[in-house]
């Protein structure tokens, strides 16, 4: 379910902005879906917006504890 005017309806404390495509895919694979997709006005990068809840917080902790390491140059 997308919320077109999420910036007006929800406070910053109620949402999680995700700028990581792998994290986005991980959340979707665990049945947590964004309420919006936006383009950052400064970086022009796509980000997704999720409503904060207990399941999201648990998955973010799981991601942090187990996320793949970035390739070292």
PDB file of N, CA and C in Angstrom:
ATOM      1  N   UNK A   1       0.835  -1.175   0.000  1.00  0.00           N
ATOM      2  CA  UNK A   1       0.000   0.000   0.000  1.00  0.00           C
ATOM      3  C   UNK A   1       0.885   1.245   0.000  1.00  0.00           C
ATOM      4  N   UNK A   2       0.777   2.026  -1.036  1.00  0.00           N
ATOM      5  CA  UNK A   2       1.540   3.255  -1.112  1.00  0.00           C
ATOM      6  C   UNK A   2       0.721   4.402  -0.540  1.00  0.00           C
ATOM      7  N   UNK A   3       1.389   5.312   0.158  1.00  0.00           N
ATOM      8  CA  UNK A   3       0.755   6.504   0.704  1.00  0.00           C
ATOM      9  C   UNK A   3       1.371   7.698  -0.014  1.00  0.00           C
ATOM     10  N   UNK A   4       0.588   8.348  -0.847  1.00  0.00           N
ATOM     11  CA  UNK A   4       1.090   9.423  -1.696  1.00  0.00           C
ATOM     12  C   UNK A   4       1.616  10.611  -0.881  1.00  0.00           C
ATOM     13  N   UNK A   5       0.900  11.021   0.129  1.00  0.00           N
ATOM     14  CA  UNK A   5       1.302  12.194   0.916  1.00  0.00           C
ATOM     15  C   UNK A   5       1.820  11.798   2.304  1.00  0.00           C
ATOM     16  N   UNK A   6       2.700  10.810   2.343  1.00  0.00           N
ATOM     17  CA  UNK A   6       3.213  10.292   3.608  1.00  0.00           C
ATOM     18  C   UNK A   6       3.938  11.366   4.413  1.00  0.00           C
ATOM     19  N   UNK A   7       4.557  12.328   3.742  1.00  0.00           N
ATOM     20  CA  UNK A   7       5.294  13.385   4.452  1.00  0.00           C
ATOM     21  C   UNK A   7       4.350  14.250   5.282  1.00  0.00           C
ATOM     22  N   UNK A   8       3.124  14.381   4.843  1.00  0.00           N
ATOM     23  CA  UNK A   8       2.133  15.176   5.565  1.00  0.00           C
ATOM     24  C   UNK A   8       1.423  14.364   6.642  1.00  0.00           C
ATOM     25  N   UNK A   9       1.261  13.067   6.395  1.00  0.00           N
ATOM     26  CA  UNK A   9       0.480  12.230   7.303  1.00  0.00           C
ATOM     27  C   UNK A   9       1.289  11.604   8.438  1.00  0.00           C
ATOM     28  N   UNK A  10       2.602  11.446   8.225  1.00  0.00           N
ATOM     29  CA  UNK A  10       3.424  10.751   9.215  1.00  0.00           C
ATOM     30  C   UNK A  10       4.601  11.622   9.645  1.00  0.00           C
ATOM     31  N   UNK A  11       4.988  11.477  10.900  1.00  0.00           N
ATOM     32  CA  UNK A  11       6.155  12.213  11.383  1.00  0.00           C
ATOM     33  C   UNK A  11       7.435  11.454  11.017  1.00  0.00           C
ATOM     34  N   UNK A  12       8.566  12.135  11.110  1.00  0.00           N
ATOM     35  CA  UNK A  12       9.851  11.496  10.814  1.00  0.00           C
ATOM     36  C   UNK A  12      10.131  10.323  11.753  1.00  0.00           C
ATOM     37  N   UNK A  13       9.597  10.393  12.958  1.00  0.00           N
ATOM     38  CA  UNK A  13       9.798   9.317  13.925  1.00  0.00           C
ATOM     39  C   UNK A  13       9.005   8.060  13.583  1.00  0.00           C
ATOM     40  N   UNK A  14       8.028   8.181  12.704  1.00  0.00           N
ATOM     41  CA  UNK A  14       7.165   7.059  12.353  1.00  0.00           C
ATOM     42  C   UNK A  14       7.626   6.306  11.107  1.00  0.00           C
ATOM     43  N   UNK A  15       8.636   6.829  10.430  1.00  0.00           N
ATOM     44  CA  UNK A  15       9.070   6.211   9.177  1.00  0.00           C
ATOM     45  C   UNK A  15      10.564   5.895   9.192  1.00  0.00           C
ATOM     46  N   UNK A  16      10.921   4.909   8.375  1.00  0.00           N
ATOM     47  CA  UNK A  16      12.310   4.532   8.162  1.00  0.00           C
ATOM     48  C   UNK A  16      12.609   4.719   6.681  1.00  0.00           C
ATOM     49  N   UNK A  17      13.631   5.495   6.368  1.00  0.00           N
ATOM     50  CA  UNK A  17      14.034   5.731   4.989  1.00  0.00           C
ATOM     51  C   UNK A  17      15.154   4.764   4.640  1.00  0.00           C
ATOM     52  N   UNK A  18      14.947   3.990   3.612  1.00  0.00           N
ATOM     53  CA  UNK A  18      15.908   2.953   3.217  1.00  0.00           C
ATOM     54  C   UNK A  18      16.565   3.352   1.896  1.00  0.00           C
ATOM     55  N   UNK A  19      17.891   3.520   1.923  1.00  0.00           N
ATOM     56  CA  UNK A  19      18.645   3.892   0.732  1.00  0.00           C
ATOM     57  C   UNK A  19      19.425   2.708   0.158  1.00  0.00           C
ATOM     58  N   UNK A  20      19.260   1.536   0.732  1.00  0.00           N
ATOM     59  CA  UNK A  20      20.004   0.343   0.324  1.00  0.00           C
ATOM     60  C   UNK A  20      19.087  -0.610  -0.440  1.00  0.00           C
ATOM     61  N   UNK A  21      19.428  -0.890  -1.696  1.00  0.00           N
ATOM     62  CA  UNK A  21      18.619  -1.827  -2.472  1.00  0.00           C
ATOM     63  C   UNK A  21      18.673  -3.243  -1.886  1.00  0.00           C
ATOM     64  N   UNK A  22      19.863  -3.740  -1.484  1.00  0.00           N
ATOM     65  CA  UNK A  22      19.878  -5.081  -0.863  1.00  0.00           C
ATOM     66  C   UNK A  22      19.021  -5.154   0.411  1.00  0.00           C
ATOM     67  N   UNK A  23      19.048  -4.104   1.219  1.00  0.00           N
ATOM     68  CA  UNK A  23      18.205  -4.090   2.421  1.00  0.00           C
ATOM     69  C   UNK A  23      16.732  -4.048   2.036  1.00  0.00           C
ATOM     70  N   UNK A  24      16.387  -3.252   1.060  1.00  0.00           N
ATOM     71  CA  UNK A  24      15.012  -3.203   0.556  1.00  0.00           C
ATOM     72  C   UNK A  24      14.538  -4.589   0.135  1.00  0.00           C
ATOM     73  N   UNK A  25      15.351  -5.318  -0.636  1.00  0.00           N
ATOM     74  CA  UNK A  25      14.989  -6.663  -1.081  1.00  0.00           C
ATOM     75  C   UNK A  25      14.845  -7.613   0.107  1.00  0.00           C
ATOM     76  N   UNK A  26      15.734  -7.480   1.092  1.00  0.00           N
ATOM     77  CA  UNK A  26      15.662  -8.296   2.303  1.00  0.00           C
ATOM     78  C   UNK A  26      14.343  -8.047   3.040  1.00  0.00           C
ATOM     79  N   UNK A  27      13.973  -6.796   3.195  1.00  0.00           N
ATOM     80  CA  UNK A  27      12.728  -6.469   3.894  1.00  0.00           C
ATOM     81  C   UNK A  27      11.521  -7.009   3.135  1.00  0.00           C
ATOM     82  N   UNK A  28      11.509  -6.837   1.824  1.00  0.00           N
ATOM     83  CA  UNK A  28      10.398  -7.366   1.028  1.00  0.00           C
ATOM     84  C   UNK A  28      10.319  -8.883   1.103  1.00  0.00           C
ATOM     85  N   UNK A  29      11.469  -9.533   1.115  1.00  0.00           N
ATOM     86  CA  UNK A  29      11.469 -11.000   1.199  1.00  0.00           C
ATOM     87  C   UNK A  29      10.917 -11.494   2.540  1.00  0.00           C
ATOM     88  N   UNK A  30      10.872 -10.587   3.514  1.00  0.00           N
ATOM     89  CA  UNK A  30      10.310 -10.905   4.830  1.00  0.00           C
ATOM     90  C   UNK A  30       8.940 -10.251   5.037  1.00  0.00           C
ATOM     91  N   UNK A  31       8.277  -9.986   3.918  1.00  0.00           N
ATOM     92  CA  UNK A  31       6.913  -9.455   3.917  1.00  0.00           C
ATOM     93  C   UNK A  31       6.761  -8.099   4.623  1.00  0.00           C
ATOM     94  N   UNK A  32       7.771  -7.268   4.516  1.00  0.00           N
ATOM     95  CA  UNK A  32       7.675  -5.878   4.978  1.00  0.00           C
ATOM     96  C   UNK A  32       7.793  -5.019   3.724  1.00  0.00           C
ATOM     97  N   UNK A  33       6.753  -4.239   3.446  1.00  0.00           N
ATOM     98  CA  UNK A  33       6.669  -3.524   2.183  1.00  0.00           C
ATOM     99  C   UNK A  33       6.679  -2.013   2.400  1.00  0.00           C
ATOM    100  N   UNK A  34       7.268  -1.285   1.464  1.00  0.00           N
ATOM    101  CA  UNK A  34       7.340   0.172   1.609  1.00  0.00           C
ATOM    102  C   UNK A  34       5.983   0.827   1.376  1.00  0.00           C
ATOM    103  N   UNK A  35       5.846   2.019   1.928  1.00  0.00           N
ATOM    104  CA  UNK A  35       4.638   2.809   1.697  1.00  0.00           C
ATOM    105  C   UNK A  35       4.869   3.844   0.602  1.00  0.00           C
ATOM    106  N   UNK A  36       6.151   4.028   0.215  1.00  0.00           N
ATOM    107  CA  UNK A  36       6.460   4.998  -0.834  1.00  0.00           C
ATOM    108  C   UNK A  36       7.851   4.734  -1.388  1.00  0.00           C
ATOM    109  N   UNK A  37       8.032   5.166  -2.617  1.00  0.00           N
ATOM    110  CA  UNK A  37       9.357   5.216  -3.242  1.00  0.00           C
ATOM    111  C   UNK A  37       9.544   6.646  -3.712  1.00  0.00           C
ATOM    112  N   UNK A  38      10.699   7.190  -3.415  1.00  0.00           N
ATOM    113  CA  UNK A  38      10.977   8.590  -3.735  1.00  0.00           C
ATOM    114  C   UNK A  38      12.364   8.714  -4.361  1.00  0.00           C
ATOM    115  N   UNK A  39      12.627   9.882  -4.911  1.00  0.00           N
ATOM    116  CA  UNK A  39      13.967  10.217  -5.398  1.00  0.00           C
ATOM    117  C   UNK A  39      14.492  11.342  -4.525  1.00  0.00           C
ATOM    118  N   UNK A  40      15.660  11.120  -3.925  1.00  0.00           N
ATOM    119  CA  UNK A  40      16.258  12.128  -3.050  1.00  0.00           C
ATOM    120  C   UNK A  40      16.578  13.369  -3.866  1.00  0.00           C
ATOM    121  N   UNK A  41      16.161  14.513  -3.377  1.00  0.00           N
ATOM    122  CA  UNK A  41      16.296  15.737  -4.176  1.00  0.00           C
ATOM    123  C   UNK A  41      17.733  16.213  -4.347  1.00  0.00           C
ATOM    124  N   UNK A  42      18.648  15.805  -3.474  1.00  0.00           N
ATOM    125  CA  UNK A  42      20.046  16.210  -3.600  1.00  0.00           C
ATOM    126  C   UNK A  42      20.874  15.191  -4.363  1.00  0.00           C
ATOM    127  N   UNK A  43      20.710  13.920  -4.019  1.00  0.00           N
ATOM    128  CA  UNK A  43      21.552  12.872  -4.610  1.00  0.00           C
ATOM    129  C   UNK A  43      20.924  12.224  -5.841  1.00  0.00           C
ATOM    130  N   UNK A  44      19.630  12.428  -6.028  1.00  0.00           N
ATOM    131  CA  UNK A  44      18.874  11.791  -7.117  1.00  0.00           C
ATOM    132  C   UNK A  44      18.850  10.267  -7.010  1.00  0.00           C
ATOM    133  N   UNK A  45      19.102   9.738  -5.834  1.00  0.00           N
ATOM    134  CA  UNK A  45      19.043   8.294  -5.615  1.00  0.00           C
ATOM    135  C   UNK A  45      17.652   7.904  -5.117  1.00  0.00           C
ATOM    136  N   UNK A  46      17.213   6.742  -5.558  1.00  0.00           N
ATOM    137  CA  UNK A  46      15.910   6.228  -5.137  1.00  0.00           C
ATOM    138  C   UNK A  46      16.013   5.710  -3.709  1.00  0.00           C
ATOM    139  N   UNK A  47      14.994   6.005  -2.914  1.00  0.00           N
ATOM    140  CA  UNK A  47      14.901   5.424  -1.576  1.00  0.00           C
ATOM    141  C   UNK A  47      13.466   4.993  -1.335  1.00  0.00           C
ATOM    142  N   UNK A  48      13.310   4.068  -0.417  1.00  0.00           N
ATOM    143  CA  UNK A  48      11.981   3.579  -0.062  1.00  0.00           C
ATOM    144  C   UNK A  48      11.653   3.989   1.364  1.00  0.00           C
ATOM    145  N   UNK A  49      10.371   4.107   1.636  1.00  0.00           N
ATOM    146  CA  UNK A  49       9.893   4.568   2.938  1.00  0.00           C
ATOM    147  C   UNK A  49       9.065   3.455   3.570  1.00  0.00           C
ATOM    148  N   UNK A  50       9.419   3.119   4.797  1.00  0.00           N
ATOM    149  CA  UNK A  50       8.704   2.084   5.549  1.00  0.00           C
ATOM    150  C   UNK A  50       8.139   2.689   6.824  1.00  0.00           C
ATOM    151  N   UNK A  51       6.984   2.190   7.243  1.00  0.00           N
ATOM    152  CA  UNK A  51       6.446   2.580   8.544  1.00  0.00           C
ATOM    153  C   UNK A  51       7.175   1.771   9.609  1.00  0.00           C
ATOM    154  N   UNK A  52       7.656   2.467  10.624  1.00  0.00           N
ATOM    155  CA  UNK A  52       8.354   1.784  11.713  1.00  0.00           C
ATOM    156  C   UNK A  52       7.368   0.959  12.528  1.00  0.00           C
ATOM    157  N   UNK A  53       7.778  -0.257  12.817  1.00  0.00           N
ATOM    158  CA  UNK A  53       7.007  -1.128  13.697  1.00  0.00           C
ATOM    159  C   UNK A  53       7.965  -2.175  14.263  1.00  0.00           C
ATOM    160  N   UNK A  54       7.458  -3.028  15.118  1.00  0.00           N
ATOM    161  CA  UNK A  54       8.301  -4.015  15.791  1.00  0.00           C
ATOM    162  C   UNK A  54       8.961  -4.981  14.803  1.00  0.00           C
ATOM    163  N   UNK A  55       8.202  -5.437  13.815  1.00  0.00           N
ATOM    164  CA  UNK A  55       8.760  -6.376  12.838  1.00  0.00           C
ATOM    165  C   UNK A  55       9.895  -5.725  12.049  1.00  0.00           C
ATOM    166  N   UNK A  56       9.701  -4.492  11.632  1.00  0.00           N
ATOM    167  CA  UNK A  56      10.761  -3.782  10.908  1.00  0.00           C
ATOM    168  C   UNK A  56      11.999  -3.646  11.780  1.00  0.00           C
ATOM    169  N   UNK A  57      11.822  -3.261  13.023  1.00  0.00           N
ATOM    170  CA  UNK A  57      12.961  -3.093  13.930  1.00  0.00           C
ATOM    171  C   UNK A  57      13.721  -4.414  14.110  1.00  0.00           C
ATOM    172  N   UNK A  58      12.995  -5.514  14.235  1.00  0.00           N
ATOM    173  CA  UNK A  58      13.635  -6.824  14.386  1.00  0.00           C
ATOM    174  C   UNK A  58      14.432  -7.190  13.128  1.00  0.00           C
ATOM    175  N   UNK A  59      13.849  -6.924  11.964  1.00  0.00           N
ATOM    176  CA  UNK A  59      14.541  -7.233  10.714  1.00  0.00           C
ATOM    177  C   UNK A  59      15.758  -6.345  10.503  1.00  0.00           C
ATOM    178  N   UNK A  60      15.672  -5.088  10.906  1.00  0.00           N
ATOM    179  CA  UNK A  60      16.832  -4.196  10.785  1.00  0.00           C
ATOM    180  C   UNK A  60      17.967  -4.669  11.685  1.00  0.00           C
ATOM    181  N   UNK A  61      17.623  -5.139  12.863  1.00  0.00           N
ATOM    182  CA  UNK A  61      18.656  -5.689  13.756  1.00  0.00           C
ATOM    183  C   UNK A  61      19.261  -6.948  13.145  1.00  0.00           C
ATOM    184  N   UNK A  62      18.414  -7.802  12.614  1.00  0.00           N
ATOM    185  CA  UNK A  62      18.896  -9.022  11.967  1.00  0.00           C
ATOM    186  C   UNK A  62      19.811  -8.674  10.792  1.00  0.00           C
ATOM    187  N   UNK A  63      19.422  -7.692   9.990  1.00  0.00           N
ATOM    188  CA  UNK A  63      20.237  -7.257   8.847  1.00  0.00           C
ATOM    189  C   UNK A  63      21.590  -6.735   9.328  1.00  0.00           C
ATOM    190  N   UNK A  64      21.573  -5.905  10.345  1.00  0.00           N
ATOM    191  CA  UNK A  64      22.814  -5.331  10.876  1.00  0.00           C
ATOM    192  C   UNK A  64      23.739  -6.423  11.397  1.00  0.00           C
ATOM    193  N   UNK A  65      23.183  -7.405  12.075  1.00  0.00           N
ATOM    194  CA  UNK A  65      23.990  -8.486  12.642  1.00  0.00           C
ATOM    195  C   UNK A  65      24.557  -9.426  11.575  1.00  0.00           C
ATOM    196  N   UNK A  66      23.888  -9.522  10.419  1.00  0.00           N
ATOM    197  CA  UNK A  66      24.269 -10.527   9.427  1.00  0.00           C
ATOM    198  C   UNK A  66      24.516  -9.999   8.019  1.00  0.00           C
ATOM    199  N   UNK A  67      24.495  -8.688   7.846  1.00  0.00           N
ATOM    200  CA  UNK A  67      24.579  -8.154   6.481  1.00  0.00           C
ATOM    201  C   UNK A  67      25.887  -8.527   5.806  1.00  0.00           C
ATOM    202  N   UNK A  68      25.829  -8.653   4.495  1.00  0.00           N
ATOM    203  CA  UNK A  68      27.067  -8.966   3.751  1.00  0.00           C
ATOM    204  C   UNK A  68      28.048  -7.809   3.842  1.00  0.00           C
ATOM    205  N   UNK A  69      29.313  -8.146   3.903  1.00  0.00           N
ATOM    206  CA  UNK A  69      30.335  -7.106   3.937  1.00  0.00           C
ATOM    207  C   UNK A  69      30.487  -6.483   2.565  1.00  0.00           C
ATOM    208  N   UNK A  70      30.767  -5.188   2.563  1.00  0.00           N
ATOM    209  CA  UNK A  70      31.033  -4.511   1.296  1.00  0.00           C
ATOM    210  C   UNK A  70      32.387  -4.979   0.777  1.00  0.00           C
ATOM    211  N   UNK A  71      32.501  -5.053  -0.512  1.00  0.00           N
ATOM    212  CA  UNK A  71      33.782  -5.451  -1.116  1.00  0.00           C
ATOM    213  C   UNK A  71      34.847  -4.431  -0.765  1.00  0.00           C
ATOM    214  N   UNK A  72      35.997  -4.930  -0.417  1.00  0.00           N
ATOM    215  CA  UNK A  72      37.119  -4.037  -0.089  1.00  0.00           C
ATOM    216  C   UNK A  72      37.930  -3.791  -1.355  1.00  0.00           C
ATOM    217  N   UNK A  73      38.279  -2.539  -1.575  1.00  0.00           N
ATOM    218  CA  UNK A  73      39.042  -2.178  -2.767  1.00  0.00           C
ATOM    219  C   UNK A  73      40.523  -2.348  -2.550  1.00  0.00           C
TER     220      UNK A  73
END
